[in-house]
N, C-alpha and C. Protein backbone atom coordinates (compact mmCIF):
# COMPACT_ATOMS: atom_id res chain seq x y z
N MET A 1 109.80 16.30 68.76
CA MET A 1 108.38 16.47 68.99
C MET A 1 107.68 16.39 67.65
N GLY A 2 106.60 15.73 67.57
CA GLY A 2 105.82 15.58 66.35
C GLY A 2 104.37 15.89 66.62
N ILE A 3 103.59 15.50 65.71
CA ILE A 3 102.15 15.70 65.84
C ILE A 3 101.61 14.60 66.75
N GLU A 4 100.74 15.01 67.64
CA GLU A 4 100.19 14.03 68.59
C GLU A 4 99.01 13.29 67.96
N LEU A 5 98.85 12.07 68.34
CA LEU A 5 97.79 11.21 67.83
C LEU A 5 96.41 11.79 68.14
N ASN A 6 96.23 12.33 69.35
CA ASN A 6 94.93 12.90 69.73
C ASN A 6 94.54 14.06 68.80
N TYR A 7 95.52 14.88 68.45
CA TYR A 7 95.26 16.01 67.55
C TYR A 7 94.79 15.49 66.19
N LEU A 8 95.49 14.51 65.67
CA LEU A 8 95.11 13.94 64.38
C LEU A 8 93.73 13.28 64.43
N GLN A 9 93.42 12.61 65.51
CA GLN A 9 92.10 11.97 65.65
C GLN A 9 91.00 13.02 65.73
N ASP A 10 91.26 14.12 66.44
CA ASP A 10 90.27 15.20 66.53
C ASP A 10 90.05 15.84 65.16
N GLU A 11 91.14 16.07 64.43
CA GLU A 11 91.02 16.65 63.09
C GLU A 11 90.25 15.71 62.16
N ARG A 12 90.51 14.42 62.28
CA ARG A 12 89.81 13.44 61.45
C ARG A 12 88.32 13.45 61.75
N LYS A 13 87.95 13.56 63.01
CA LYS A 13 86.53 13.61 63.39
C LYS A 13 85.86 14.85 62.79
N LYS A 14 86.55 15.98 62.84
CA LYS A 14 86.00 17.21 62.27
C LYS A 14 85.82 17.06 60.76
N LEU A 15 86.84 16.52 60.12
CA LEU A 15 86.76 16.32 58.67
C LEU A 15 85.66 15.33 58.30
N GLN A 16 85.53 14.27 59.08
CA GLN A 16 84.48 13.29 58.82
C GLN A 16 83.10 13.92 58.98
N SER A 17 82.97 14.77 59.97
CA SER A 17 81.70 15.47 60.19
C SER A 17 81.40 16.39 59.00
N ASP A 18 82.41 17.13 58.54
CA ASP A 18 82.23 17.99 57.37
C ASP A 18 81.86 17.16 56.14
N PHE A 19 82.53 16.05 55.97
CA PHE A 19 82.26 15.16 54.84
C PHE A 19 80.82 14.67 54.89
N ASP A 20 80.37 14.24 56.05
CA ASP A 20 79.01 13.73 56.20
C ASP A 20 77.98 14.82 55.93
N THR A 21 78.26 16.02 56.41
CA THR A 21 77.34 17.15 56.19
C THR A 21 77.24 17.49 54.70
N ILE A 22 78.38 17.56 54.06
CA ILE A 22 78.39 17.89 52.63
C ILE A 22 77.71 16.78 51.83
N SER A 23 77.98 15.56 52.18
CA SER A 23 77.36 14.42 51.49
C SER A 23 75.84 14.46 51.65
N SER A 24 75.39 14.76 52.85
CA SER A 24 73.95 14.87 53.10
C SER A 24 73.34 16.01 52.29
N ASN A 25 74.03 17.13 52.23
CA ASN A 25 73.54 18.27 51.46
C ASN A 25 73.45 17.94 49.97
N ILE A 26 74.42 17.19 49.48
CA ILE A 26 74.40 16.78 48.07
C ILE A 26 73.19 15.89 47.80
N GLU A 27 72.91 14.96 48.69
CA GLU A 27 71.75 14.08 48.52
C GLU A 27 70.45 14.88 48.54
N LYS A 28 70.34 15.85 49.45
CA LYS A 28 69.15 16.70 49.50
C LYS A 28 69.00 17.49 48.21
N THR A 29 70.12 17.99 47.71
CA THR A 29 70.10 18.75 46.46
C THR A 29 69.68 17.88 45.29
N LYS A 30 70.18 16.65 45.25
CA LYS A 30 69.78 15.71 44.19
C LYS A 30 68.29 15.44 44.23
N LYS A 31 67.75 15.22 45.43
CA LYS A 31 66.31 14.98 45.57
C LYS A 31 65.52 16.20 45.14
N SER A 32 66.00 17.36 45.55
CA SER A 32 65.32 18.60 45.17
C SER A 32 65.36 18.79 43.65
N LEU A 33 66.49 18.49 43.05
CA LEU A 33 66.62 18.61 41.60
C LEU A 33 65.65 17.66 40.90
N THR A 34 65.54 16.44 41.41
CA THR A 34 64.61 15.47 40.83
C THR A 34 63.17 15.98 40.95
N THR A 35 62.83 16.51 42.12
CA THR A 35 61.49 17.06 42.33
C THR A 35 61.22 18.22 41.38
N GLN A 36 62.19 19.11 41.25
CA GLN A 36 62.03 20.26 40.36
C GLN A 36 61.89 19.80 38.90
N GLN A 37 62.65 18.80 38.51
CA GLN A 37 62.56 18.26 37.15
C GLN A 37 61.17 17.66 36.91
N ASN A 38 60.67 16.93 37.90
CA ASN A 38 59.32 16.36 37.78
C ASN A 38 58.27 17.45 37.68
N ASN A 39 58.41 18.51 38.47
CA ASN A 39 57.48 19.63 38.39
C ASN A 39 57.55 20.31 37.03
N LEU A 40 58.76 20.47 36.52
CA LEU A 40 58.93 21.07 35.20
C LEU A 40 58.24 20.23 34.13
N ASN A 41 58.41 18.92 34.21
CA ASN A 41 57.76 18.03 33.25
C ASN A 41 56.24 18.12 33.36
N ALA A 42 55.73 18.21 34.57
CA ALA A 42 54.28 18.31 34.76
C ALA A 42 53.75 19.61 34.17
N VAL A 43 54.44 20.71 34.39
CA VAL A 43 54.00 22.00 33.84
C VAL A 43 54.07 21.96 32.31
N TYR A 44 55.12 21.36 31.79
CA TYR A 44 55.24 21.26 30.34
C TYR A 44 54.09 20.42 29.76
N GLY A 45 53.73 19.35 30.45
CA GLY A 45 52.60 18.54 30.02
C GLY A 45 51.30 19.35 30.01
N ALA A 46 51.14 20.19 31.02
CA ALA A 46 49.95 21.05 31.07
C ALA A 46 49.95 22.05 29.91
N ILE A 47 51.12 22.59 29.61
CA ILE A 47 51.23 23.51 28.47
C ILE A 47 50.85 22.80 27.17
N GLN A 48 51.33 21.58 27.00
CA GLN A 48 50.98 20.82 25.79
C GLN A 48 49.48 20.58 25.71
N GLN A 49 48.86 20.28 26.84
CA GLN A 49 47.42 20.03 26.86
C GLN A 49 46.66 21.29 26.48
N ILE A 50 47.06 22.43 27.03
CA ILE A 50 46.42 23.70 26.68
C ILE A 50 46.60 24.00 25.20
N ASP A 51 47.82 23.73 24.68
CA ASP A 51 48.07 23.96 23.26
C ASP A 51 47.15 23.12 22.39
N LYS A 52 46.77 21.93 22.85
CA LYS A 52 45.84 21.09 22.10
C LYS A 52 44.41 21.63 22.20
N LEU A 53 44.06 22.24 23.34
CA LEU A 53 42.70 22.73 23.55
C LEU A 53 42.43 24.05 22.84
N ILE A 54 43.44 24.89 22.70
CA ILE A 54 43.25 26.21 22.09
C ILE A 54 42.64 26.12 20.69
N PRO A 55 43.16 25.27 19.82
CA PRO A 55 42.52 25.17 18.49
C PRO A 55 41.08 24.69 18.55
N MET A 56 40.76 23.88 19.54
CA MET A 56 39.38 23.40 19.68
C MET A 56 38.43 24.55 19.99
N VAL A 57 38.88 25.48 20.80
CA VAL A 57 38.05 26.64 21.13
C VAL A 57 37.84 27.48 19.89
N ASP A 58 38.90 27.71 19.12
CA ASP A 58 38.78 28.48 17.88
C ASP A 58 37.82 27.79 16.92
N THR A 59 37.88 26.47 16.82
CA THR A 59 37.00 25.71 15.94
C THR A 59 35.56 25.82 16.41
N GLU A 60 35.34 25.71 17.72
CA GLU A 60 33.99 25.82 18.26
C GLU A 60 33.42 27.21 18.00
N LYS A 61 34.24 28.24 18.12
CA LYS A 61 33.76 29.61 17.84
C LYS A 61 33.37 29.74 16.37
N LYS A 62 34.19 29.17 15.48
CA LYS A 62 33.88 29.23 14.06
C LYS A 62 32.58 28.49 13.77
N ASP A 63 32.42 27.30 14.37
CA ASP A 63 31.19 26.53 14.17
C ASP A 63 29.98 27.31 14.68
N THR A 64 30.12 27.97 15.80
CA THR A 64 29.03 28.76 16.36
C THR A 64 28.69 29.92 15.43
N ARG A 65 29.72 30.58 14.88
CA ARG A 65 29.49 31.69 13.95
C ARG A 65 28.76 31.21 12.71
N VAL A 66 29.14 30.05 12.19
CA VAL A 66 28.48 29.50 11.01
C VAL A 66 27.02 29.22 11.31
N LEU A 67 26.75 28.61 12.46
CA LEU A 67 25.36 28.32 12.85
C LEU A 67 24.56 29.60 13.01
N LEU A 68 25.17 30.63 13.64
CA LEU A 68 24.46 31.90 13.80
C LEU A 68 24.18 32.56 12.46
N ASN A 69 25.14 32.52 11.55
CA ASN A 69 24.93 33.09 10.21
C ASN A 69 23.81 32.37 9.48
N GLU A 70 23.77 31.04 9.60
CA GLU A 70 22.70 30.28 8.96
C GLU A 70 21.35 30.62 9.57
N LYS A 71 21.34 30.79 10.90
CA LYS A 71 20.09 31.16 11.58
C LYS A 71 19.63 32.54 11.12
N ASP A 72 20.57 33.48 11.03
CA ASP A 72 20.22 34.83 10.57
C ASP A 72 19.67 34.81 9.15
N LYS A 73 20.27 33.98 8.29
CA LYS A 73 19.79 33.86 6.91
C LYS A 73 18.38 33.28 6.88
N ALA A 74 18.14 32.29 7.73
CA ALA A 74 16.81 31.66 7.77
C ALA A 74 15.78 32.65 8.27
N VAL A 75 16.14 33.43 9.29
CA VAL A 75 15.21 34.43 9.82
C VAL A 75 14.94 35.50 8.76
N SER A 76 15.98 35.95 8.09
CA SER A 76 15.83 36.97 7.04
C SER A 76 14.96 36.45 5.91
N ALA A 77 15.16 35.20 5.55
CA ALA A 77 14.37 34.62 4.46
C ALA A 77 12.92 34.50 4.84
N SER A 78 12.66 34.18 6.11
CA SER A 78 11.27 34.04 6.52
C SER A 78 10.57 35.40 6.63
N LEU A 79 11.34 36.44 6.87
CA LEU A 79 10.75 37.78 6.94
C LEU A 79 10.50 38.36 5.56
N ALA A 80 11.21 37.88 4.59
CA ALA A 80 11.11 38.46 3.26
C ALA A 80 9.91 38.01 2.51
């Protein structure tokens, strides 16, 4: 007595089904990884953009302070 052909065919079908399921899950994971990598790159790009804008705000504040100081000096001079 040996292993029956039907048993082996049934086992092969189960294994093929498992293989297909795992393969499908791997593909979904790859797509998800690609999406996550793209999202990470987009967020990093936004961080870089903010890093470029921050010094501009500091410069604008300094320019505004200089203008206000000059205005205060002009007002003080006109009152004197």
